[in-house]
Amino acid sequence: MKKYSNAVITGSISRDEIMSFPDEFCNYFQSDKLDKINISFVVDDLKQRLGGTATNIAYGIAHLGVSNVRILGAIGKDHDDFFAFFKKQKIGVDGIYVCDDLYTSTGKVVTDAKGNQIWSFYYGAAKEGARVNPELYISCDSLVVISANHRDSFMHFQNYVIKNKIDYLYDPGMALTWIKPLELKEGVINSKWTIGNEYEMGRILKICELDKATLFENGVSVITTLGEDGVLWEDNNGQLRIGGFESKNAIDPTGAGDAWRSGFVSALLENSPIERALAKANAFASFAVEKHGTVNHAPSQDELQRRINTLVS
């Protein structure tokens, strides 16, 4: 396996407003009225957090001991608390563009009693991420994460890593709502790893009109996260499934996927075997669901190792 010297995370930098709905969404939708939805959910809890895909993933990687991790992206005029947070976590910020005319991206989510979620997202300053010059921060031995962002920024970084043949983890996520089929196909087929949950992976293959065999032939490893059931890894050598850690204290699924990516990337930077990397990712994600918000889980190395050991020998 190639040895990487640093992690470069591209994606959104945003504020999260996380609300909890004590009932189930399905009790309020009428199947014959889905074209005329007008529903209000009264929530019983509200938490405001720092977040965004880049923030969440970089936080986890830094917490897991990686000393050379930076974010590339853009942030708004309300940036002071973000920079204070990044400094505390020792995350590199020299690749973050500050936009003084817009507010930082903001995501709002309502989670029901079954863990189902409804998100809305304001891009704000995120579109200015295309002003960042990747050449200043990405080297041939960088491991890059391409995660959901404003279209201009997402494609700016995607095009750069493809053109320069940089290894990257492709995590389109919410970009699946706007990305063009050819853009997605190029992002997937040139990636080292493509990741998504079961729904996202199905959408990716359908939009691209690709099958997994074609991806494997192009050297792409496909990672399908399965929530509490763990993860499925597939490549040209076959498949590997690692179960999830059964947490008895799960309270909020928000950010678990980003935590998973943190654990996986940190393991790759340690040059861990794939089985151990997947187990570490599953274990780290299990801590995220035990906290509200996306950057509040902070297990010790011993706590993390104990959970890893329950997943692999």
C-alpha atoms as a PDB file:
ATOM      1  CA  MET A   1       0.000   0.000   0.000  1.00  0.00           C
ATOM      2  CA  LYS A   2       1.225   3.495  -0.833  1.00  0.00           C
ATOM      3  CA  LYS A   3       2.570   5.536   2.068  1.00  0.00           C
ATOM      4  CA  TYR A   4       0.893   8.930   2.481  1.00  0.00           C
ATOM      5  CA  SER A   5       2.499  11.814   4.362  1.00  0.00           C
ATOM      6  CA  ASN A   6      -0.497  14.102   4.861  1.00  0.00           C
ATOM      7  CA  ALA A   7      -4.264  14.380   4.598  1.00  0.00           C
ATOM      8  CA  VAL A   8      -6.000  17.162   2.681  1.00  0.00           C
ATOM      9  CA  ILE A   9      -9.740  17.456   3.277  1.00  0.00           C
ATOM     10  CA  THR A  10     -11.994  19.331   0.874  1.00  0.00           C
ATOM     11  CA  GLY A  11     -15.650  19.867   1.616  1.00  0.00           C
ATOM     12  CA  SER A  12     -18.046  22.141   3.428  1.00  0.00           C
ATOM     13  CA  ILE A  13     -17.236  24.182   6.513  1.00  0.00           C
ATOM     14  CA  SER A  14     -20.551  24.944   8.143  1.00  0.00           C
ATOM     15  CA  ARG A  15     -22.660  25.516  11.182  1.00  0.00           C
ATOM     16  CA  ASP A  16     -25.096  22.780  12.142  1.00  0.00           C
ATOM     17  CA  GLU A  17     -28.443  23.305  13.846  1.00  0.00           C
ATOM     18  CA  ILE A  18     -29.579  19.922  15.118  1.00  0.00           C
ATOM     19  CA  MET A  19     -33.176  19.409  16.209  1.00  0.00           C
ATOM     20  CA  SER A  20     -34.850  16.342  17.678  1.00  0.00           C
ATOM     21  CA  PHE A  21     -38.439  15.379  16.823  1.00  0.00           C
ATOM     22  CA  PRO A  22     -39.904  13.003  19.457  1.00  0.00           C
ATOM     23  CA  ASP A  23     -42.194  11.195  17.013  1.00  0.00           C
ATOM     24  CA  GLU A  24     -41.771   9.518  13.602  1.00  0.00           C
ATOM     25  CA  PHE A  25     -41.935  11.426  10.320  1.00  0.00           C
ATOM     26  CA  CYS A  26     -43.890   8.620   8.654  1.00  0.00           C
ATOM     27  CA  ASN A  27     -46.884   9.336  10.907  1.00  0.00           C
ATOM     28  CA  TYR A  28     -47.320  12.763   9.310  1.00  0.00           C
ATOM     29  CA  PHE A  29     -46.853  12.148   5.600  1.00  0.00           C
ATOM     30  CA  GLN A  30     -49.866  11.205   3.494  1.00  0.00           C
ATOM     31  CA  SER A  31     -48.872   8.967   0.607  1.00  0.00           C
ATOM     32  CA  ASP A  32     -51.517  10.478  -1.678  1.00  0.00           C
ATOM     33  CA  LYS A  33     -50.499  14.062  -0.877  1.00  0.00           C
ATOM     34  CA  LEU A  34     -46.741  13.998  -1.410  1.00  0.00           C
ATOM     35  CA  ASP A  35     -47.075  16.618  -4.150  1.00  0.00           C
ATOM     36  CA  LYS A  36     -48.603  19.061  -1.652  1.00  0.00           C
ATOM     37  CA  ILE A  37     -46.447  18.780   1.442  1.00  0.00           C
ATOM     38  CA  ASN A  38     -46.991  21.431   4.122  1.00  0.00           C
ATOM     39  CA  ILE A  39     -45.848  20.004   7.440  1.00  0.00           C
ATOM     40  CA  SER A  40     -44.489  21.585  10.601  1.00  0.00           C
ATOM     41  CA  PHE A  41     -42.582  19.528  13.156  1.00  0.00           C
ATOM     42  CA  VAL A  42     -42.428  20.813  16.724  1.00  0.00           C
ATOM     43  CA  VAL A  43     -39.051  19.753  18.088  1.00  0.00           C
ATOM     44  CA  ASP A  44     -38.094  19.309  21.706  1.00  0.00           C
ATOM     45  CA  ASP A  45     -34.375  19.947  21.461  1.00  0.00           C
ATOM     46  CA  LEU A  46     -32.048  22.314  19.581  1.00  0.00           C
ATOM     47  CA  LYS A  47     -28.267  22.278  19.519  1.00  0.00           C
ATOM     48  CA  GLN A  48     -25.995  24.564  17.530  1.00  0.00           C
ATOM     49  CA  ARG A  49     -22.608  23.157  16.539  1.00  0.00           C
ATOM     50  CA  LEU A  50     -19.656  23.701  14.262  1.00  0.00           C
ATOM     51  CA  GLY A  51     -19.732  21.222  11.425  1.00  0.00           C
ATOM     52  CA  GLY A  52     -19.573  20.595   7.694  1.00  0.00           C
ATOM     53  CA  THR A  53     -18.051  17.598   5.950  1.00  0.00           C
ATOM     54  CA  ALA A  54     -14.526  19.021   5.885  1.00  0.00           C
ATOM     55  CA  THR A  55     -14.679  20.206   9.501  1.00  0.00           C
ATOM     56  CA  ASN A  56     -16.022  16.879  10.757  1.00  0.00           C
ATOM     57  CA  ILE A  57     -13.597  14.674   8.853  1.00  0.00           C
ATOM     58  CA  ALA A  58     -10.539  16.805   9.617  1.00  0.00           C
ATOM     59  CA  TYR A  59     -11.491  16.952  13.297  1.00  0.00           C
ATOM     60  CA  GLY A  60     -11.632  13.175  13.575  1.00  0.00           C
ATOM     61  CA  ILE A  61      -8.352  12.652  11.734  1.00  0.00           C
ATOM     62  CA  ALA A  62      -6.568  15.182  13.936  1.00  0.00           C
ATOM     63  CA  HIS A  63      -8.091  13.681  17.098  1.00  0.00           C
ATOM     64  CA  LEU A  64      -6.782  10.289  16.048  1.00  0.00           C
ATOM     65  CA  GLY A  65      -3.234  11.590  16.094  1.00  0.00           C
ATOM     66  CA  VAL A  66      -2.512  12.610  12.512  1.00  0.00           C
ATOM     67  CA  SER A  67      -0.265  15.662  12.777  1.00  0.00           C
ATOM     68  CA  ASN A  68      -0.439  16.827   9.166  1.00  0.00           C
ATOM     69  CA  VAL A  69      -4.060  17.446   8.199  1.00  0.00           C
ATOM     70  CA  ARG A  70      -5.463  20.574   6.590  1.00  0.00           C
ATOM     71  CA  ILE A  71      -8.741  21.796   5.150  1.00  0.00           C
ATOM     72  CA  LEU A  72      -9.164  23.397   1.737  1.00  0.00           C
ATOM     73  CA  GLY A  73     -12.334  25.428   1.348  1.00  0.00           C
ATOM     74  CA  ALA A  74     -13.993  28.717   2.208  1.00  0.00           C
ATOM     75  CA  ILE A  75     -15.536  30.280   5.272  1.00  0.00           C
ATOM     76  CA  GLY A  76     -17.660  33.380   5.897  1.00  0.00           C
ATOM     77  CA  LYS A  77     -17.397  36.594   7.856  1.00  0.00           C
ATOM     78  CA  ASP A  78     -18.564  34.806  11.018  1.00  0.00           C
ATOM     79  CA  HIS A  79     -15.353  32.774  11.150  1.00  0.00           C
ATOM     80  CA  ASP A  80     -13.728  33.522  14.507  1.00  0.00           C
ATOM     81  CA  ASP A  81     -15.015  30.487  16.406  1.00  0.00           C
ATOM     82  CA  PHE A  82     -14.082  28.179  13.541  1.00  0.00           C
ATOM     83  CA  PHE A  83     -10.484  29.344  13.419  1.00  0.00           C
ATOM     84  CA  ALA A  84     -10.214  29.079  17.199  1.00  0.00           C
ATOM     85  CA  PHE A  85     -11.518  25.511  16.972  1.00  0.00           C
ATOM     86  CA  PHE A  86      -9.169  24.539  14.136  1.00  0.00           C
ATOM     87  CA  LYS A  87      -6.203  26.004  16.002  1.00  0.00           C
ATOM     88  CA  LYS A  88      -7.089  24.036  19.122  1.00  0.00           C
ATOM     89  CA  GLN A  89      -7.363  20.816  17.102  1.00  0.00           C
ATOM     90  CA  LYS A  90      -4.097  21.562  15.212  1.00  0.00           C
ATOM     91  CA  ILE A  91      -5.812  21.478  11.836  1.00  0.00           C
ATOM     92  CA  GLY A  92      -4.078  23.432   9.066  1.00  0.00           C
ATOM     93  CA  VAL A  93      -6.074  26.470   7.916  1.00  0.00           C
ATOM     94  CA  ASP A  94      -3.704  28.092   5.410  1.00  0.00           C
ATOM     95  CA  GLY A  95      -5.833  26.665   2.589  1.00  0.00           C
ATOM     96  CA  ILE A  96      -9.086  28.238   3.827  1.00  0.00           C
ATOM     97  CA  TYR A  97     -10.305  31.312   1.948  1.00  0.00           C
ATOM     98  CA  VAL A  98     -12.175  33.906   4.026  1.00  0.00           C
ATOM     99  CA  CYS A  99     -15.157  35.551   2.339  1.00  0.00           C
ATOM    100  CA  ASP A 100     -16.103  38.800   4.086  1.00  0.00           C
ATOM    101  CA  ASP A 101     -19.352  39.257   2.156  1.00  0.00           C
ATOM    102  CA  LEU A 102     -21.180  36.045   3.043  1.00  0.00           C
ATOM    103  CA  TYR A 103     -21.987  33.981   6.088  1.00  0.00           C
ATOM    104  CA  THR A 104     -20.519  30.550   6.605  1.00  0.00           C
ATOM    105  CA  SER A 105     -22.507  27.614   5.227  1.00  0.00           C
ATOM    106  CA  THR A 106     -25.309  26.435   7.509  1.00  0.00           C
ATOM    107  CA  GLY A 107     -26.995  23.040   7.729  1.00  0.00           C
ATOM    108  CA  LYS A 108     -30.259  22.402   9.585  1.00  0.00           C
ATOM    109  CA  VAL A 109     -31.448  18.894  10.411  1.00  0.00           C
ATOM    110  CA  VAL A 110     -34.457  17.405  12.157  1.00  0.00           C
ATOM    111  CA  THR A 111     -34.016  13.834  13.419  1.00  0.00           C
ATOM    112  CA  ASP A 112     -37.038  11.746  14.360  1.00  0.00           C
ATOM    113  CA  ALA A 113     -37.402   9.045  17.010  1.00  0.00           C
ATOM    114  CA  LYS A 114     -36.243   6.360  14.556  1.00  0.00           C
ATOM    115  CA  GLY A 115     -33.118   8.217  13.480  1.00  0.00           C
ATOM    116  CA  ASN A 116     -34.580   9.380  10.155  1.00  0.00           C
ATOM    117  CA  GLN A 117     -33.406  12.829   9.132  1.00  0.00           C
ATOM    118  CA  ILE A 118     -34.569  15.793   7.049  1.00  0.00           C
ATOM    119  CA  TRP A 119     -31.797  18.220   6.089  1.00  0.00           C
ATOM    120  CA  SER A 120     -31.696  21.680   4.532  1.00  0.00           C
ATOM    121  CA  PHE A 121     -28.434  23.399   3.636  1.00  0.00           C
ATOM    122  CA  TYR A 122     -27.330  26.968   2.843  1.00  0.00           C
ATOM    123  CA  TYR A 123     -24.048  27.095   0.914  1.00  0.00           C
ATOM    124  CA  GLY A 124     -23.081  30.689   1.672  1.00  0.00           C
ATOM    125  CA  ALA A 125     -19.317  31.229   1.533  1.00  0.00           C
ATOM    126  CA  ALA A 126     -18.662  27.648   0.430  1.00  0.00           C
ATOM    127  CA  LYS A 127     -18.867  28.617  -3.233  1.00  0.00           C
ATOM    128  CA  GLU A 128     -15.696  30.678  -2.824  1.00  0.00           C
ATOM    129  CA  GLY A 129     -13.615  27.558  -2.200  1.00  0.00           C
ATOM    130  CA  ALA A 130     -12.768  27.583  -5.899  1.00  0.00           C
ATOM    131  CA  ARG A 131     -10.481  30.539  -5.140  1.00  0.00           C
ATOM    132  CA  VAL A 132      -8.078  28.217  -3.317  1.00  0.00           C
ATOM    133  CA  ASN A 133      -5.067  27.036  -5.325  1.00  0.00           C
ATOM    134  CA  PRO A 134      -4.728  23.276  -4.601  1.00  0.00           C
ATOM    135  CA  GLU A 135      -1.213  23.215  -6.003  1.00  0.00           C
ATOM    136  CA  LEU A 136       0.024  25.053  -2.910  1.00  0.00           C
ATOM    137  CA  TYR A 137      -1.243  22.371  -0.530  1.00  0.00           C
ATOM    138  CA  ILE A 138      -1.513  19.029  -2.341  1.00  0.00           C
ATOM    139  CA  SER A 139       1.542  16.917  -3.161  1.00  0.00           C
ATOM    140  CA  CYS A 140       1.963  13.551  -4.867  1.00  0.00           C
ATOM    141  CA  ASP A 141       2.024  11.818  -1.490  1.00  0.00           C
ATOM    142  CA  SER A 142      -1.132  13.537  -0.188  1.00  0.00           C
ATOM    143  CA  LEU A 143      -4.272  11.573   0.541  1.00  0.00           C
ATOM    144  CA  VAL A 144      -7.140  13.829  -0.518  1.00  0.00           C
ATOM    145  CA  VAL A 145     -10.794  13.604   0.471  1.00  0.00           C
ATOM    146  CA  ILE A 146     -13.312  15.036  -1.982  1.00  0.00           C
ATOM    147  CA  SER A 147     -16.516  15.492   0.026  1.00  0.00           C
ATOM    148  CA  ALA A 148     -19.817  17.345  -0.433  1.00  0.00           C
ATOM    149  CA  ASN A 149     -19.508  21.062  -1.035  1.00  0.00           C
ATOM    150  CA  HIS A 150     -20.807  23.882  -3.223  1.00  0.00           C
ATOM    151  CA  ARG A 151     -20.708  22.868  -6.866  1.00  0.00           C
ATOM    152  CA  ASP A 152     -17.958  25.346  -7.865  1.00  0.00           C
ATOM    153  CA  SER A 153     -15.658  24.243  -5.045  1.00  0.00           C
ATOM    154  CA  PHE A 154     -16.416  20.531  -5.387  1.00  0.00           C
ATOM    155  CA  MET A 155     -15.647  20.451  -9.101  1.00  0.00           C
ATOM    156  CA  HIS A 156     -12.596  22.712  -8.648  1.00  0.00           C
ATOM    157  CA  PHE A 157     -10.945  20.193  -6.342  1.00  0.00           C
ATOM    158  CA  GLN A 158     -12.223  17.133  -8.214  1.00  0.00           C
ATOM    159  CA  ASN A 159     -10.772  18.372 -11.496  1.00  0.00           C
ATOM    160  CA  TYR A 160      -7.427  19.134  -9.873  1.00  0.00           C
ATOM    161  CA  VAL A 161      -6.867  15.703  -8.329  1.00  0.00           C
ATOM    162  CA  ILE A 162      -7.930  13.934 -11.523  1.00  0.00           C
ATOM    163  CA  LYS A 163      -5.674  16.071 -13.723  1.00  0.00           C
ATOM    164  CA  ASN A 164      -2.698  15.563 -11.411  1.00  0.00           C
ATOM    165  CA  LYS A 165      -3.334  11.858 -10.702  1.00  0.00           C
ATOM    166  CA  ILE A 166      -3.580  12.344  -6.931  1.00  0.00           C
ATOM    167  CA  ASP A 167      -5.038   9.502  -4.834  1.00  0.00           C
ATOM    168  CA  TYR A 168      -8.394  10.508  -3.386  1.00  0.00           C
ATOM    169  CA  LEU A 169     -11.333   9.204  -1.418  1.00  0.00           C
ATOM    170  CA  TYR A 170     -14.453  10.165  -3.342  1.00  0.00           C
ATOM    171  CA  ASP A 171     -17.394  10.975  -1.101  1.00  0.00           C
ATOM    172  CA  PRO A 172     -20.021  12.811  -3.193  1.00  0.00           C
ATOM    173  CA  GLY A 173     -22.875  12.445  -0.674  1.00  0.00           C
ATOM    174  CA  MET A 174     -25.160  15.456  -0.960  1.00  0.00           C
ATOM    175  CA  ALA A 175     -23.498  16.410  -4.259  1.00  0.00           C
ATOM    176  CA  LEU A 176     -25.622  13.666  -5.807  1.00  0.00           C
ATOM    177  CA  THR A 177     -28.527  16.135  -5.854  1.00  0.00           C
ATOM    178  CA  TRP A 178     -26.835  18.374  -8.430  1.00  0.00           C
ATOM    179  CA  ILE A 179     -23.848  16.685 -10.054  1.00  0.00           C
ATOM    180  CA  LYS A 180     -24.024  15.864 -13.766  1.00  0.00           C
ATOM    181  CA  PRO A 181     -23.707  12.188 -14.785  1.00  0.00           C
ATOM    182  CA  LEU A 182     -20.417  12.670 -16.654  1.00  0.00           C
ATOM    183  CA  GLU A 183     -18.904  14.659 -13.761  1.00  0.00           C
ATOM    184  CA  LEU A 184     -19.863  11.949 -11.297  1.00  0.00           C
ATOM    185  CA  LYS A 185     -18.581   9.200 -13.574  1.00  0.00           C
ATOM    186  CA  GLU A 186     -15.226  10.947 -13.920  1.00  0.00           C
ATOM    187  CA  GLY A 187     -15.025  11.429 -10.158  1.00  0.00           C
ATOM    188  CA  VAL A 188     -15.784   7.787  -9.438  1.00  0.00           C
ATOM    189  CA  ILE A 189     -13.748   6.115 -12.159  1.00  0.00           C
ATOM    190  CA  ASN A 190     -10.586   8.092 -11.307  1.00  0.00           C
ATOM    191  CA  SER A 191     -10.837   7.664  -7.545  1.00  0.00           C
ATOM    192  CA  LYS A 192      -8.809   5.327  -5.375  1.00  0.00           C
ATOM    193  CA  TRP A 193     -11.810   4.727  -3.132  1.00  0.00           C
ATOM    194  CA  THR A 194     -15.481   5.647  -3.624  1.00  0.00           C
ATOM    195  CA  ILE A 195     -17.683   5.668  -0.525  1.00  0.00           C
ATOM    196  CA  GLY A 196     -21.377   6.010   0.264  1.00  0.00           C
ATOM    197  CA  ASN A 197     -24.175   4.391   2.192  1.00  0.00           C
ATOM    198  CA  GLU A 198     -26.406   1.807   0.500  1.00  0.00           C
ATOM    199  CA  TYR A 199     -28.771   4.421  -0.920  1.00  0.00           C
ATOM    200  CA  GLU A 200     -25.952   6.665  -2.135  1.00  0.00           C
ATOM    201  CA  MET A 201     -24.044   3.791  -3.712  1.00  0.00           C
ATOM    202  CA  GLY A 202     -27.135   2.708  -5.590  1.00  0.00           C
ATOM    203  CA  ARG A 203     -27.619   6.268  -6.841  1.00  0.00           C
ATOM    204  CA  ILE A 204     -23.978   6.574  -7.869  1.00  0.00           C
ATOM    205  CA  LEU A 205     -24.058   3.418  -9.972  1.00  0.00           C
ATOM    206  CA  LYS A 206     -27.403   4.352 -11.530  1.00  0.00           C
ATOM    207  CA  ILE A 207     -26.413   7.916 -12.417  1.00  0.00           C
ATOM    208  CA  CYS A 208     -23.073   6.797 -13.861  1.00  0.00           C
ATOM    209  CA  GLU A 209     -24.586   3.787 -15.635  1.00  0.00           C
ATOM    210  CA  LEU A 210     -21.705   1.725 -14.265  1.00  0.00           C
ATOM    211  CA  ASP A 211     -21.449  -1.632 -12.585  1.00  0.00           C
ATOM    212  CA  LYS A 212     -19.027  -2.449  -9.807  1.00  0.00           C
ATOM    213  CA  ALA A 213     -17.000  -4.815 -12.001  1.00  0.00           C
ATOM    214  CA  THR A 214     -16.072  -1.889 -14.235  1.00  0.00           C
ATOM    215  CA  LEU A 215     -14.947   0.117 -11.211  1.00  0.00           C
ATOM    216  CA  PHE A 216     -12.825  -2.757  -9.954  1.00  0.00           C
ATOM    217  CA  GLU A 217     -11.170  -3.080 -13.371  1.00  0.00           C
ATOM    218  CA  ASN A 218     -10.189   0.587 -13.095  1.00  0.00           C
ATOM    219  CA  GLY A 219      -8.613   0.088  -9.677  1.00  0.00           C
ATOM    220  CA  VAL A 220     -11.467   1.628  -7.685  1.00  0.00           C
ATOM    221  CA  SER A 221     -12.302   0.153  -4.283  1.00  0.00           C
ATOM    222  CA  VAL A 222     -15.992   0.508  -3.394  1.00  0.00           C
ATOM    223  CA  ILE A 223     -16.890   1.161   0.245  1.00  0.00           C
ATOM    224  CA  THR A 224     -20.541   0.829   1.263  1.00  0.00           C
ATOM    225  CA  THR A 225     -21.287   1.896   4.817  1.00  0.00           C
ATOM    226  CA  LEU A 226     -24.129  -0.025   6.463  1.00  0.00           C
ATOM    227  CA  GLY A 227     -24.830   1.994   9.602  1.00  0.00           C
ATOM    228  CA  GLU A 228     -24.951  -0.173  12.714  1.00  0.00           C
ATOM    229  CA  ASP A 229     -24.316  -3.227  10.513  1.00  0.00           C
ATOM    230  CA  GLY A 230     -20.807  -2.062   9.665  1.00  0.00           C
ATOM    231  CA  VAL A 231     -19.275  -1.781   6.217  1.00  0.00           C
ATOM    232  CA  LEU A 232     -18.803  -3.688   2.977  1.00  0.00           C
ATOM    233  CA  TRP A 233     -15.474  -3.344   1.124  1.00  0.00           C
ATOM    234  CA  GLU A 234     -15.277  -4.501  -2.497  1.00  0.00           C
ATOM    235  CA  ASP A 235     -12.413  -4.465  -4.972  1.00  0.00           C
ATOM    236  CA  ASN A 236     -10.859  -6.579  -7.705  1.00  0.00           C
ATOM    237  CA  ASN A 237      -9.767  -9.157  -5.123  1.00  0.00           C
ATOM    238  CA  GLY A 238     -13.251  -9.773  -3.738  1.00  0.00           C
ATOM    239  CA  GLN A 239     -15.140  -8.382  -0.795  1.00  0.00           C
ATOM    240  CA  LEU A 240     -14.736  -7.975   2.927  1.00  0.00           C
ATOM    241  CA  ARG A 241     -17.450  -7.206   5.446  1.00  0.00           C
ATOM    242  CA  ILE A 242     -16.729  -5.874   8.925  1.00  0.00           C
ATOM    243  CA  GLY A 243     -19.557  -5.618  11.427  1.00  0.00           C
ATOM    244  CA  GLY A 244     -20.350  -2.479  13.350  1.00  0.00           C
ATOM    245  CA  PHE A 245     -19.857  -1.940  17.055  1.00  0.00           C
ATOM    246  CA  GLU A 246     -23.204  -2.265  18.807  1.00  0.00           C
ATOM    247  CA  SER A 247     -23.471   0.880  20.882  1.00  0.00           C
ATOM    248  CA  LYS A 248     -26.035   0.847  23.660  1.00  0.00           C
ATOM    249  CA  ASN A 249     -25.794   4.606  24.124  1.00  0.00           C
ATOM    250  CA  ALA A 250     -26.603   5.872  20.628  1.00  0.00           C
ATOM    251  CA  ILE A 251     -28.484   9.191  20.704  1.00  0.00           C
ATOM    252  CA  ASP A 252     -27.701  11.037  17.443  1.00  0.00           C
ATOM    253  CA  PRO A 253     -26.594   9.641  14.054  1.00  0.00           C
ATOM    254  CA  THR A 254     -25.541  13.067  12.761  1.00  0.00           C
ATOM    255  CA  GLY A 255     -21.883  13.018  11.733  1.00  0.00           C
ATOM    256  CA  ALA A 256     -21.361   9.272  12.088  1.00  0.00           C
ATOM    257  CA  GLY A 257     -20.542   8.952   8.396  1.00  0.00           C
ATOM    258  CA  ASP A 258     -17.927  11.687   8.593  1.00  0.00           C
ATOM    259  CA  ALA A 259     -16.455  10.058  11.703  1.00  0.00           C
ATOM    260  CA  TRP A 260     -16.222   6.805   9.747  1.00  0.00           C
ATOM    261  CA  ARG A 261     -14.230   8.562   7.049  1.00  0.00           C
ATOM    262  CA  SER A 262     -11.933  10.048   9.695  1.00  0.00           C
ATOM    263  CA  GLY A 263     -11.144   6.649  11.121  1.00  0.00           C
ATOM    264  CA  PHE A 264     -10.521   5.147   7.704  1.00  0.00           C
ATOM    265  CA  VAL A 265      -8.255   7.946   6.460  1.00  0.00           C
ATOM    266  CA  SER A 266      -6.245   8.000   9.693  1.00  0.00           C
ATOM    267  CA  ALA A 267      -5.713   4.240   9.374  1.00  0.00           C
ATOM    268  CA  LEU A 268      -4.514   4.592   5.790  1.00  0.00           C
ATOM    269  CA  LEU A 269      -2.030   7.246   6.895  1.00  0.00           C
ATOM    270  CA  GLU A 270      -0.769   4.726   9.459  1.00  0.00           C
ATOM    271  CA  ASN A 271      -0.419   2.204   6.610  1.00  0.00           C
ATOM    272  CA  SER A 272      -2.805  -0.194   8.373  1.00  0.00           C
ATOM    273  CA  PRO A 273      -4.120  -3.307   6.582  1.00  0.00           C
ATOM    274  CA  ILE A 274      -7.567  -2.779   5.079  1.00  0.00           C
ATOM    275  CA  GLU A 275      -9.311  -5.022   7.610  1.00  0.00           C
ATOM    276  CA  ARG A 276      -7.909  -2.974  10.498  1.00  0.00           C
ATOM    277  CA  ALA A 277      -8.710   0.296   8.707  1.00  0.00           C
ATOM    278  CA  LEU A 278     -12.347  -0.701   8.285  1.00  0.00           C
ATOM    279  CA  ALA A 279     -12.595  -1.831  11.905  1.00  0.00           C
ATOM    280  CA  LYS A 280     -11.048   1.406  13.143  1.00  0.00           C
ATOM    281  CA  ALA A 281     -13.526   3.405  11.062  1.00  0.00           C
ATOM    282  CA  ASN A 282     -16.486   1.410  12.388  1.00  0.00           C
ATOM    283  CA  ALA A 283     -15.288   1.785  15.952  1.00  0.00           C
ATOM    284  CA  PHE A 284     -14.663   5.525  15.697  1.00  0.00           C
ATOM    285  CA  ALA A 285     -18.075   6.097  14.128  1.00  0.00           C
ATOM    286  CA  SER A 286     -19.695   4.291  17.060  1.00  0.00           C
ATOM    287  CA  PHE A 287     -18.461   7.030  19.389  1.00  0.00           C
ATOM    288  CA  ALA A 288     -19.966   9.742  17.183  1.00  0.00           C
ATOM    289  CA  VAL A 289     -23.522   8.429  17.599  1.00  0.00           C
ATOM    290  CA  GLU A 290     -23.142   8.633  21.381  1.00  0.00           C
ATOM    291  CA  LYS A 291     -22.831  12.429  21.301  1.00  0.00           C
ATOM    292  CA  HIS A 292     -24.993  15.214  19.962  1.00  0.00           C
ATOM    293  CA  GLY A 293     -23.279  17.096  17.156  1.00  0.00           C
ATOM    294  CA  THR A 294     -20.467  16.120  14.837  1.00  0.00           C
ATOM    295  CA  VAL A 295     -17.246  17.183  16.574  1.00  0.00           C
ATOM    296  CA  ASN A 296     -17.951  16.246  20.178  1.00  0.00           C
ATOM    297  CA  HIS A 297     -16.820  12.621  20.256  1.00  0.00           C
ATOM    298  CA  ALA A 298     -13.318  12.311  21.687  1.00  0.00           C
ATOM    299  CA  PRO A 299     -12.515   8.724  22.704  1.00  0.00           C
ATOM    300  CA  SER A 300      -9.130   7.909  24.135  1.00  0.00           C
ATOM    301  CA  GLN A 301      -6.820   5.584  22.223  1.00  0.00           C
ATOM    302  CA  ASP A 302      -7.518   2.849  24.776  1.00  0.00           C
ATOM    303  CA  GLU A 303     -11.296   3.235  24.423  1.00  0.00           C
ATOM    304  CA  LEU A 304     -11.025   3.134  20.655  1.00  0.00           C
ATOM    305  CA  GLN A 305      -8.714   0.132  20.662  1.00  0.00           C
ATOM    306  CA  ARG A 306     -11.060  -1.860  22.865  1.00  0.00           C
ATOM    307  CA  ARG A 307     -13.870  -1.402  20.362  1.00  0.00           C
ATOM    308  CA  ILE A 308     -11.597  -2.222  17.422  1.00  0.00           C
ATOM    309  CA  ASN A 309     -10.602  -5.438  19.166  1.00  0.00           C
ATOM    310  CA  THR A 310     -14.238  -6.535  19.368  1.00  0.00           C
ATOM    311  CA  LEU A 311     -14.519  -6.247  15.579  1.00  0.00           C
ATOM    312  CA  VAL A 312     -11.282  -7.893  14.437  1.00  0.00           C
ATOM    313  CA  SER A 313      -8.786 -10.171  16.115  1.00  0.00           C
END
